Amino acid sequence: MLLNARLSPVLLKSERLILRLPQLGDAETMAELFRENREFLQPYYPTFEASIFTRNGWTERIRAVHEEFHIGRGVRLVLFRNDAPGVAIGVANFTMIQRDPMYGCNLGYSLAESQQGQGYMTEALKPAIEYMFDQWKLHRIAANYMPSNARSGAVLTRLGFQIEGTARDYLRIDGRWEDHVCTALLNPAWTPTHGDFRRFT
């Protein structure tokens, strides 16, 4: 079992945003987020399953999100504006968390079309990355984006991610294999003591 008693509940705040794990009561707003942004987001996602557009589908997903969190494999955060705390506007997912010897994870994120161009994702990812480095004691966060997605690349550049190369046919996106630009951000404060924070027994 993973020893995670020292981890406090995830509730992150910035000037304009709230980030937290989704709760069962968020199932409908999560379904609505993906229903309303289906055409906008699909070019950057694996082909959506029908369940992502339904309340029941999200009820099951949210249970899985909490299980993944408690076994130490992922932190999937939902973005809400401070002035509309019940309406989901995006997600920031830290997945495939690994401990020794990597101490790293993958980052993926998306934002509603209506919220683009206002700096929300950069604002959201700053405290989220700090949380993953400080609380989960990770050394490396990897994030990959399609070359055509210049907006995503700009977000990562602003956050300090460094390009490490291009992976050919990296992911099957909307039914097609797509190249991805590979980037990463390192935790300058990481130490071996920090890295031993979460252990399996």
C-alpha atoms as a PDB file:
ATOM      1  CA  MET A   1       0.000   0.000   0.000  1.00  0.00           C
ATOM      2  CA  LEU A   2       1.161   3.513  -0.737  1.00  0.00           C
ATOM      3  CA  LEU A   3       1.947   5.613   2.300  1.00  0.00           C
ATOM      4  CA  ASN A   4       0.267   8.933   1.526  1.00  0.00           C
ATOM      5  CA  ALA A   5      -0.981  10.068   4.902  1.00  0.00           C
ATOM      6  CA  ARG A   6       1.096  13.240   4.717  1.00  0.00           C
ATOM      7  CA  LEU A   7      -0.584  14.352   1.502  1.00  0.00           C
ATOM      8  CA  SER A   8      -3.211  17.015   2.157  1.00  0.00           C
ATOM      9  CA  PRO A   9      -6.332  17.441  -0.012  1.00  0.00           C
ATOM     10  CA  VAL A  10      -5.704  19.182  -3.313  1.00  0.00           C
ATOM     11  CA  LEU A  11      -7.088  22.717  -3.384  1.00  0.00           C
ATOM     12  CA  LEU A  12      -4.938  25.137  -5.327  1.00  0.00           C
ATOM     13  CA  LYS A  13      -5.711  28.787  -5.947  1.00  0.00           C
ATOM     14  CA  SER A  14      -4.382  31.540  -8.153  1.00  0.00           C
ATOM     15  CA  GLU A  15      -5.536  35.093  -8.706  1.00  0.00           C
ATOM     16  CA  ARG A  16      -8.464  34.045 -10.886  1.00  0.00           C
ATOM     17  CA  LEU A  17      -8.717  30.273 -10.588  1.00  0.00           C
ATOM     18  CA  ILE A  18      -9.397  27.301  -8.346  1.00  0.00           C
ATOM     19  CA  LEU A  19      -7.868  23.890  -9.093  1.00  0.00           C
ATOM     20  CA  ARG A  20      -8.980  20.698  -7.373  1.00  0.00           C
ATOM     21  CA  LEU A  21      -9.750  17.030  -7.892  1.00  0.00           C
ATOM     22  CA  PRO A  22     -13.218  16.526  -9.374  1.00  0.00           C
ATOM     23  CA  GLN A  23     -15.932  15.440  -6.953  1.00  0.00           C
ATOM     24  CA  LEU A  24     -18.980  13.319  -7.739  1.00  0.00           C
ATOM     25  CA  GLY A  25     -21.089  16.470  -7.764  1.00  0.00           C
ATOM     26  CA  ASP A  26     -18.989  17.745 -10.682  1.00  0.00           C
ATOM     27  CA  ALA A  27     -20.067  14.967 -13.043  1.00  0.00           C
ATOM     28  CA  GLU A  28     -22.532  17.100 -14.990  1.00  0.00           C
ATOM     29  CA  THR A  29     -20.260  20.134 -15.382  1.00  0.00           C
ATOM     30  CA  MET A  30     -17.457  17.856 -16.598  1.00  0.00           C
ATOM     31  CA  ALA A  31     -19.756  16.244 -19.145  1.00  0.00           C
ATOM     32  CA  GLU A  32     -20.899  19.689 -20.249  1.00  0.00           C
ATOM     33  CA  LEU A  33     -17.295  20.874 -20.642  1.00  0.00           C
ATOM     34  CA  PHE A  34     -16.581  18.087 -23.116  1.00  0.00           C
ATOM     35  CA  ARG A  35     -19.962  18.268 -24.871  1.00  0.00           C
ATOM     36  CA  GLU A  36     -19.596  21.988 -25.528  1.00  0.00           C
ATOM     37  CA  ASN A  37     -15.957  21.675 -26.635  1.00  0.00           C
ATOM     38  CA  ARG A  38     -16.121  18.414 -28.518  1.00  0.00           C
ATOM     39  CA  GLU A  39     -15.204  19.828 -31.932  1.00  0.00           C
ATOM     40  CA  PHE A  40     -12.581  22.157 -30.475  1.00  0.00           C
ATOM     41  CA  LEU A  41     -10.788  19.522 -28.377  1.00  0.00           C
ATOM     42  CA  GLN A  42     -11.129  16.375 -30.489  1.00  0.00           C
ATOM     43  CA  PRO A  43      -8.223  17.252 -32.861  1.00  0.00           C
ATOM     44  CA  TYR A  44      -5.872  17.064 -29.850  1.00  0.00           C
ATOM     45  CA  TYR A  45      -7.304  13.994 -28.084  1.00  0.00           C
ATOM     46  CA  PRO A  46      -7.580  10.283 -28.790  1.00  0.00           C
ATOM     47  CA  THR A  47     -11.040   9.631 -30.216  1.00  0.00           C
ATOM     48  CA  PHE A  48     -13.505  10.448 -27.462  1.00  0.00           C
ATOM     49  CA  GLU A  49     -15.560   7.674 -25.925  1.00  0.00           C
ATOM     50  CA  ALA A  50     -19.283   8.429 -25.728  1.00  0.00           C
ATOM     51  CA  SER A  51     -19.137   8.233 -21.917  1.00  0.00           C
ATOM     52  CA  ILE A  52     -17.088  11.438 -21.682  1.00  0.00           C
ATOM     53  CA  PHE A  53     -20.200  13.410 -22.661  1.00  0.00           C
ATOM     54  CA  THR A  54     -22.508  11.970 -19.993  1.00  0.00           C
ATOM     55  CA  ARG A  55     -23.080  12.460 -16.276  1.00  0.00           C
ATOM     56  CA  ASN A  56     -22.950   8.706 -15.627  1.00  0.00           C
ATOM     57  CA  GLY A  57     -19.728   8.390 -17.582  1.00  0.00           C
ATOM     58  CA  TRP A  58     -18.118  11.097 -15.505  1.00  0.00           C
ATOM     59  CA  THR A  59     -19.364   9.583 -12.263  1.00  0.00           C
ATOM     60  CA  GLU A  60     -17.313   6.498 -13.088  1.00  0.00           C
ATOM     61  CA  ARG A  61     -14.358   8.567 -14.277  1.00  0.00           C
ATOM     62  CA  ILE A  62     -14.311  10.613 -11.084  1.00  0.00           C
ATOM     63  CA  ARG A  63     -14.216   7.463  -8.970  1.00  0.00           C
ATOM     64  CA  ALA A  64     -11.268   6.279 -11.075  1.00  0.00           C
ATOM     65  CA  VAL A  65      -9.549   9.671 -10.660  1.00  0.00           C
ATOM     66  CA  HIS A  66      -9.677   9.328  -6.876  1.00  0.00           C
ATOM     67  CA  GLU A  67      -8.447   5.743  -6.966  1.00  0.00           C
ATOM     68  CA  GLU A  68      -5.538   6.776  -9.191  1.00  0.00           C
ATOM     69  CA  PHE A  69      -4.714   9.584  -6.770  1.00  0.00           C
ATOM     70  CA  HIS A  70      -4.793   7.397  -3.678  1.00  0.00           C
ATOM     71  CA  ILE A  71      -2.487   4.763  -5.153  1.00  0.00           C
ATOM     72  CA  GLY A  72      -0.070   7.505  -6.170  1.00  0.00           C
ATOM     73  CA  ARG A  73      -0.335   7.215  -9.935  1.00  0.00           C
ATOM     74  CA  GLY A  74      -2.009  10.478 -10.949  1.00  0.00           C
ATOM     75  CA  VAL A  75      -3.311  13.906 -10.005  1.00  0.00           C
ATOM     76  CA  ARG A  76      -6.114  15.067 -12.299  1.00  0.00           C
ATOM     77  CA  LEU A  77      -7.192  18.623 -11.578  1.00  0.00           C
ATOM     78  CA  VAL A  78     -10.211  20.570 -12.791  1.00  0.00           C
ATOM     79  CA  LEU A  79     -10.025  24.323 -13.395  1.00  0.00           C
ATOM     80  CA  PHE A  80     -12.760  26.659 -12.163  1.00  0.00           C
ATOM     81  CA  ARG A  81     -12.870  30.450 -12.300  1.00  0.00           C
ATOM     82  CA  ASN A  82     -13.209  32.148  -8.917  1.00  0.00           C
ATOM     83  CA  ASP A  83     -16.307  33.970 -10.137  1.00  0.00           C
ATOM     84  CA  ALA A  84     -17.968  30.716 -11.321  1.00  0.00           C
ATOM     85  CA  PRO A  85     -16.758  27.951  -8.979  1.00  0.00           C
ATOM     86  CA  GLY A  86     -19.305  25.419 -10.189  1.00  0.00           C
ATOM     87  CA  VAL A  87     -18.455  25.570 -13.890  1.00  0.00           C
ATOM     88  CA  ALA A  88     -15.470  23.569 -15.127  1.00  0.00           C
ATOM     89  CA  ILE A  89     -13.397  25.379 -17.739  1.00  0.00           C
ATOM     90  CA  GLY A  90     -10.475  23.002 -18.197  1.00  0.00           C
ATOM     91  CA  VAL A  91      -8.294  20.220 -16.867  1.00  0.00           C
ATOM     92  CA  ALA A  92      -4.649  19.740 -15.912  1.00  0.00           C
ATOM     93  CA  ASN A  93      -3.616  16.102 -15.545  1.00  0.00           C
ATOM     94  CA  PHE A  94      -0.393  14.799 -14.036  1.00  0.00           C
ATOM     95  CA  THR A  95      -0.332  11.104 -14.911  1.00  0.00           C
ATOM     96  CA  MET A  96       1.936   8.066 -15.084  1.00  0.00           C
ATOM     97  CA  ILE A  97       3.656   9.155 -11.863  1.00  0.00           C
ATOM     98  CA  GLN A  98       6.783   7.118 -11.218  1.00  0.00           C
ATOM     99  CA  ARG A  99       9.066   6.983  -8.221  1.00  0.00           C
ATOM    100  CA  ASP A 100      12.656   5.763  -7.987  1.00  0.00           C
ATOM    101  CA  PRO A 101      14.645   6.065 -10.183  1.00  0.00           C
ATOM    102  CA  MET A 102      12.681   8.551 -12.341  1.00  0.00           C
ATOM    103  CA  TYR A 103      10.593  10.603  -9.892  1.00  0.00           C
ATOM    104  CA  GLY A 104       8.618  11.966 -12.802  1.00  0.00           C
ATOM    105  CA  CYS A 105       5.244  12.208 -14.520  1.00  0.00           C
ATOM    106  CA  ASN A 106       3.501  13.327 -17.693  1.00  0.00           C
ATOM    107  CA  LEU A 107       1.442  16.518 -17.947  1.00  0.00           C
ATOM    108  CA  GLY A 108      -1.576  17.011 -20.183  1.00  0.00           C
ATOM    109  CA  TYR A 109      -4.060  19.865 -20.191  1.00  0.00           C
ATOM    110  CA  SER A 110      -6.936  21.453 -22.078  1.00  0.00           C
ATOM    111  CA  LEU A 111      -9.069  24.564 -21.804  1.00  0.00           C
ATOM    112  CA  ALA A 112     -12.555  25.420 -23.039  1.00  0.00           C
ATOM    113  CA  GLU A 113     -12.631  27.280 -26.330  1.00  0.00           C
ATOM    114  CA  SER A 114     -14.488  30.207 -24.774  1.00  0.00           C
ATOM    115  CA  GLN A 115     -11.707  30.691 -22.210  1.00  0.00           C
ATOM    116  CA  GLN A 116      -8.784  30.766 -24.633  1.00  0.00           C
ATOM    117  CA  GLY A 117      -6.453  33.737 -24.938  1.00  0.00           C
ATOM    118  CA  GLN A 118      -6.782  34.975 -21.351  1.00  0.00           C
ATOM    119  CA  GLY A 119      -3.735  33.318 -19.802  1.00  0.00           C
ATOM    120  CA  TYR A 120      -5.760  30.895 -17.705  1.00  0.00           C
ATOM    121  CA  MET A 121      -3.748  27.754 -18.464  1.00  0.00           C
ATOM    122  CA  THR A 122      -0.394  29.348 -17.700  1.00  0.00           C
ATOM    123  CA  GLU A 123      -1.859  30.771 -14.496  1.00  0.00           C
ATOM    124  CA  ALA A 124      -3.285  27.385 -13.518  1.00  0.00           C
ATOM    125  CA  LEU A 125      -0.184  25.343 -14.224  1.00  0.00           C
ATOM    126  CA  LYS A 126       2.143  27.480 -12.119  1.00  0.00           C
ATOM    127  CA  PRO A 127       0.651  26.425  -8.738  1.00  0.00           C
ATOM    128  CA  ALA A 128      -0.092  22.933 -10.056  1.00  0.00           C
ATOM    129  CA  ILE A 129       3.549  22.349 -10.992  1.00  0.00           C
ATOM    130  CA  GLU A 130       4.692  23.806  -7.689  1.00  0.00           C
ATOM    131  CA  TYR A 131       2.354  21.385  -5.925  1.00  0.00           C
ATOM    132  CA  MET A 132       3.747  18.385  -7.819  1.00  0.00           C
ATOM    133  CA  PHE A 133       7.324  19.393  -7.071  1.00  0.00           C
ATOM    134  CA  ASP A 134       6.783  20.366  -3.431  1.00  0.00           C
ATOM    135  CA  GLN A 135       4.166  17.848  -2.272  1.00  0.00           C
ATOM    136  CA  TRP A 136       4.800  14.872  -4.538  1.00  0.00           C
ATOM    137  CA  LYS A 137       8.556  15.517  -4.580  1.00  0.00           C
ATOM    138  CA  LEU A 138       8.949  14.910  -8.300  1.00  0.00           C
ATOM    139  CA  HIS A 139      12.118  15.693 -10.208  1.00  0.00           C
ATOM    140  CA  ARG A 140      10.799  15.819 -13.767  1.00  0.00           C
ATOM    141  CA  ILE A 141       7.530  16.723 -15.485  1.00  0.00           C
ATOM    142  CA  ALA A 142       7.280  15.832 -19.170  1.00  0.00           C
ATOM    143  CA  ALA A 143       4.772  17.475 -21.520  1.00  0.00           C
ATOM    144  CA  ASN A 144       4.326  16.776 -25.229  1.00  0.00           C
ATOM    145  CA  TYR A 145       2.357  18.648 -27.866  1.00  0.00           C
ATOM    146  CA  MET A 146       1.575  18.353 -31.579  1.00  0.00           C
ATOM    147  CA  PRO A 147       3.706  20.655 -33.752  1.00  0.00           C
ATOM    148  CA  SER A 148       0.527  22.268 -35.092  1.00  0.00           C
ATOM    149  CA  ASN A 149      -0.554  23.255 -31.579  1.00  0.00           C
ATOM    150  CA  ALA A 150       1.500  26.435 -31.258  1.00  0.00           C
ATOM    151  CA  ARG A 151      -0.653  27.740 -28.418  1.00  0.00           C
ATOM    152  CA  SER A 152       0.184  24.734 -26.255  1.00  0.00           C
ATOM    153  CA  GLY A 153       3.868  25.102 -27.062  1.00  0.00           C
ATOM    154  CA  ALA A 154       3.747  28.752 -26.020  1.00  0.00           C
ATOM    155  CA  VAL A 155       2.223  27.838 -22.648  1.00  0.00           C
ATOM    156  CA  LEU A 156       5.024  25.377 -21.942  1.00  0.00           C
ATOM    157  CA  THR A 157       7.699  27.850 -23.020  1.00  0.00           C
ATOM    158  CA  ARG A 158       6.314  30.452 -20.622  1.00  0.00           C
ATOM    159  CA  LEU A 159       6.492  27.894 -17.821  1.00  0.00           C
ATOM    160  CA  GLY A 160      10.131  27.069 -18.521  1.00  0.00           C
ATOM    161  CA  PHE A 161       9.765  23.686 -20.236  1.00  0.00           C
ATOM    162  CA  GLN A 162      12.678  22.839 -22.524  1.00  0.00           C
ATOM    163  CA  ILE A 163      12.295  21.095 -25.881  1.00  0.00           C
ATOM    164  CA  GLU A 164      14.122  17.767 -25.931  1.00  0.00           C
ATOM    165  CA  GLY A 165      13.188  16.502 -29.389  1.00  0.00           C
ATOM    166  CA  THR A 166      10.352  15.201 -31.521  1.00  0.00           C
ATOM    167  CA  ALA A 167       8.716  11.785 -31.167  1.00  0.00           C
ATOM    168  CA  ARG A 168       7.438  10.446 -34.502  1.00  0.00           C
ATOM    169  CA  ASP A 169       3.947   8.917 -34.538  1.00  0.00           C
ATOM    170  CA  TYR A 170       3.914   9.363 -30.789  1.00  0.00           C
ATOM    171  CA  LEU A 171       0.169   9.150 -30.092  1.00  0.00           C
ATOM    172  CA  ARG A 172      -2.916   8.116 -32.016  1.00  0.00           C
ATOM    173  CA  ILE A 173      -4.951  11.321 -31.979  1.00  0.00           C
ATOM    174  CA  ASP A 174      -8.499  11.290 -33.372  1.00  0.00           C
ATOM    175  CA  GLY A 175      -7.710   8.140 -35.340  1.00  0.00           C
ATOM    176  CA  ARG A 176      -4.358   9.300 -36.768  1.00  0.00           C
ATOM    177  CA  TRP A 177      -0.774   8.850 -35.615  1.00  0.00           C
ATOM    178  CA  GLU A 178       0.679  12.254 -34.778  1.00  0.00           C
ATOM    179  CA  ASP A 179       4.216  13.468 -34.119  1.00  0.00           C
ATOM    180  CA  HIS A 180       4.729  15.307 -30.822  1.00  0.00           C
ATOM    181  CA  VAL A 181       7.289  17.817 -29.621  1.00  0.00           C
ATOM    182  CA  CYS A 182       8.747  16.497 -26.357  1.00  0.00           C
ATOM    183  CA  THR A 183       9.485  18.933 -23.525  1.00  0.00           C
ATOM    184  CA  ALA A 184      10.324  18.669 -19.845  1.00  0.00           C
ATOM    185  CA  LEU A 185      10.692  20.780 -16.730  1.00  0.00           C
ATOM    186  CA  LEU A 186      13.068  19.805 -13.920  1.00  0.00           C
ATOM    187  CA  ASN A 187      12.714  20.510 -10.222  1.00  0.00           C
ATOM    188  CA  PRO A 188      15.816  22.501  -9.220  1.00  0.00           C
ATOM    189  CA  ALA A 189      15.158  21.906  -5.517  1.00  0.00           C
ATOM    190  CA  TRP A 190      14.914  18.113  -5.706  1.00  0.00           C
ATOM    191  CA  THR A 191      17.061  16.090  -3.302  1.00  0.00           C
ATOM    192  CA  PRO A 192      17.230  12.348  -2.566  1.00  0.00           C
ATOM    193  CA  THR A 193      15.513  12.988   0.762  1.00  0.00           C
ATOM    194  CA  HIS A 194      12.674  14.706  -1.060  1.00  0.00           C
ATOM    195  CA  GLY A 195      12.454  11.854  -3.498  1.00  0.00           C
ATOM    196  CA  ASP A 196      11.929   9.299  -0.723  1.00  0.00           C
ATOM    197  CA  PHE A 197       8.800  11.094   0.505  1.00  0.00           C
ATOM    198  CA  ARG A 198       6.314   8.573  -0.949  1.00  0.00           C
ATOM    199  CA  ARG A 199       7.252   4.911  -0.716  1.00  0.00           C
ATOM    200  CA  PHE A 200       5.568   1.622  -1.478  1.00  0.00           C
ATOM    201  CA  THR A 201       5.558  -1.091   1.165  1.00  0.00           C
END
